[in-house]
C-alpha atoms as a PDB file:
ATOM      1  CA  MET A   1      -9.843  -1.928  14.188  1.00  0.00           C
ATOM      2  CA  LYS A   2     -11.599  -3.899  11.447  1.00  0.00           C
ATOM      3  CA  VAL A   3      -9.242  -6.196   9.486  1.00  0.00           C
ATOM      4  CA  THR A   4     -10.211  -8.013   6.259  1.00  0.00           C
ATOM      5  CA  VAL A   5      -8.178 -10.207   3.892  1.00  0.00           C
ATOM      6  CA  ASP A   6      -8.061  -8.648   0.408  1.00  0.00           C
ATOM      7  CA  GLU A   7      -5.955  -8.668  -2.763  1.00  0.00           C
ATOM      8  CA  LEU A   8      -4.047  -6.042  -4.715  1.00  0.00           C
ATOM      9  CA  ALA A   9      -3.768  -6.758  -8.447  1.00  0.00           C
ATOM     10  CA  GLY A  10      -0.871  -5.375 -10.471  1.00  0.00           C
ATOM     11  CA  PHE A  11       1.717  -5.425  -7.674  1.00  0.00           C
ATOM     12  CA  GLU A  12       3.962  -8.051  -6.096  1.00  0.00           C
ATOM     13  CA  ARG A  13       5.934  -8.143  -2.864  1.00  0.00           C
ATOM     14  CA  GLU A  14       9.645  -7.630  -3.024  1.00  0.00           C
ATOM     15  CA  GLY A  15      10.996  -7.843   0.513  1.00  0.00           C
ATOM     16  CA  LEU A  16       9.307  -5.045   2.494  1.00  0.00           C
ATOM     17  CA  ASN A  17       8.171  -3.312  -0.681  1.00  0.00           C
ATOM     18  CA  ILE A  18       5.547  -3.692  -3.389  1.00  0.00           C
ATOM     19  CA  VAL A  19       6.509  -3.246  -7.033  1.00  0.00           C
ATOM     20  CA  ALA A  20       4.387  -2.977 -10.153  1.00  0.00           C
ATOM     21  CA  ASN A  21       3.839  -6.255 -12.031  1.00  0.00           C
ATOM     22  CA  GLU A  22       0.755  -6.500 -14.256  1.00  0.00           C
ATOM     23  CA  ALA A  23       0.580 -10.291 -13.866  1.00  0.00           C
ATOM     24  CA  ALA A  24       0.817 -10.329 -10.060  1.00  0.00           C
ATOM     25  CA  VAL A  25      -1.798 -10.388  -7.311  1.00  0.00           C
ATOM     26  CA  THR A  26      -0.668  -9.689  -3.749  1.00  0.00           C
ATOM     27  CA  VAL A  27      -2.713 -11.007  -0.827  1.00  0.00           C
ATOM     28  CA  GLY A  28      -2.752  -8.892   2.312  1.00  0.00           C
ATOM     29  CA  VAL A  29      -5.011  -7.328   4.902  1.00  0.00           C
ATOM     30  CA  ARG A  30      -7.152  -4.235   4.630  1.00  0.00           C
ATOM     31  CA  MET A  31      -7.468  -2.332   7.895  1.00  0.00           C
ATOM     32  CA  GLN A  32     -10.132   0.237   8.606  1.00  0.00           C
ATOM     33  CA  VAL A  33      -8.424   2.930  10.669  1.00  0.00           C
ATOM     34  CA  SER A  34      -9.296   6.324  12.077  1.00  0.00           C
ATOM     35  CA  LYS A  35      -7.580   9.540  10.998  1.00  0.00           C
ATOM     36  CA  ARG A  36      -5.461   9.419  14.169  1.00  0.00           C
ATOM     37  CA  GLN A  37      -4.452   5.802  13.511  1.00  0.00           C
ATOM     38  CA  MET A  38      -3.517   6.730   9.931  1.00  0.00           C
ATOM     39  CA  GLN A  39      -1.268   9.509  11.240  1.00  0.00           C
ATOM     40  CA  ARG A  40       0.412   7.003  13.547  1.00  0.00           C
ATOM     41  CA  LEU A  41       0.901   4.554  10.661  1.00  0.00           C
ATOM     42  CA  ASP A  42       2.440   7.350   8.570  1.00  0.00           C
ATOM     43  CA  ARG A  43       4.938   8.076  11.360  1.00  0.00           C
ATOM     44  CA  TYR A  44       5.705   4.359  11.766  1.00  0.00           C
ATOM     45  CA  GLU A  45       6.285   3.925   8.004  1.00  0.00           C
ATOM     46  CA  ARG A  46       8.310   7.181   7.916  1.00  0.00           C
ATOM     47  CA  LEU A  47       6.082   8.674   5.228  1.00  0.00           C
ATOM     48  CA  GLY A  48       8.101  10.895   2.891  1.00  0.00           C
ATOM     49  CA  LEU A  49      11.438   9.610   4.194  1.00  0.00           C
ATOM     50  CA  ARG A  50      11.250   5.871   3.633  1.00  0.00           C
ATOM     51  CA  TYR A  51       7.819   5.237   2.094  1.00  0.00           C
ATOM     52  CA  CYS A  52       5.200   7.019   0.017  1.00  0.00           C
ATOM     53  CA  ARG A  53       1.466   6.360   0.269  1.00  0.00           C
ATOM     54  CA  PHE A  54      -1.073   6.238  -2.556  1.00  0.00           C
ATOM     55  CA  GLN A  55      -4.620   5.008  -3.166  1.00  0.00           C
ATOM     56  CA  VAL A  56      -5.495   1.890  -5.140  1.00  0.00           C
ATOM     57  CA  PHE A  57      -8.559  -0.223  -5.826  1.00  0.00           C
ATOM     58  CA  LEU A  58      -8.407  -3.726  -4.368  1.00  0.00           C
ATOM     59  CA  THR A  59      -9.888  -6.774  -6.104  1.00  0.00           C
ATOM     60  CA  SER A  60     -12.878  -6.520  -3.747  1.00  0.00           C
ATOM     61  CA  GLY A  61     -13.647  -3.111  -5.277  1.00  0.00           C
ATOM     62  CA  GLU A  62     -12.703  -1.303  -2.073  1.00  0.00           C
ATOM     63  CA  GLN A  63     -10.313   1.641  -2.171  1.00  0.00           C
ATOM     64  CA  ALA A  64      -7.272   1.530   0.084  1.00  0.00           C
ATOM     65  CA  TRP A  65      -4.050   3.350   0.856  1.00  0.00           C
ATOM     66  CA  VAL A  66      -0.840   1.387   0.295  1.00  0.00           C
ATOM     67  CA  TYR A  67       2.730   2.203   1.247  1.00  0.00           C
ATOM     68  CA  GLN A  68       5.563   1.810  -1.236  1.00  0.00           C
ATOM     69  CA  ARG A  69       9.261   2.172  -0.529  1.00  0.00           C
ATOM     70  CA  LEU A  70      10.804   5.322  -1.967  1.00  0.00           C
ATOM     71  CA  ASN A  71      13.523   4.808  -4.541  1.00  0.00           C
ATOM     72  CA  GLY A  72      16.163   7.440  -5.313  1.00  0.00           C
ATOM     73  CA  GLU A  73      13.719   9.302  -7.584  1.00  0.00           C
ATOM     74  CA  GLY A  74      10.618   9.129  -5.401  1.00  0.00           C
ATOM     75  CA  CYS A  75       7.676   6.776  -5.508  1.00  0.00           C
ATOM     76  CA  GLU A  76       7.362   4.399  -8.454  1.00  0.00           C
ATOM     77  CA  GLN A  77       3.577   4.152  -7.934  1.00  0.00           C
ATOM     78  CA  GLN A  78       1.540   2.821 -10.817  1.00  0.00           C
ATOM     79  CA  GLN A  79      -2.219   2.594 -10.813  1.00  0.00           C
ATOM     80  CA  GLN A  80      -3.618  -0.573 -12.325  1.00  0.00           C
END
């Protein structure tokens, strides 16, 4: 699995979650995974029950999937 440090603009960490904040930049890792590995990550993150997943552009210009904790009304996702 290829792992690279990257940044996500427009979001900040809040515990185990990311929340929209135009002024924030969150540093993390970008992992290149197979379809099977992505399915396993979805199960681990409890996709649809605990987290939602959506695509964003990272500061490197790469596209990535990120997980965001579901609130009572669903995913708060905001694209920068």
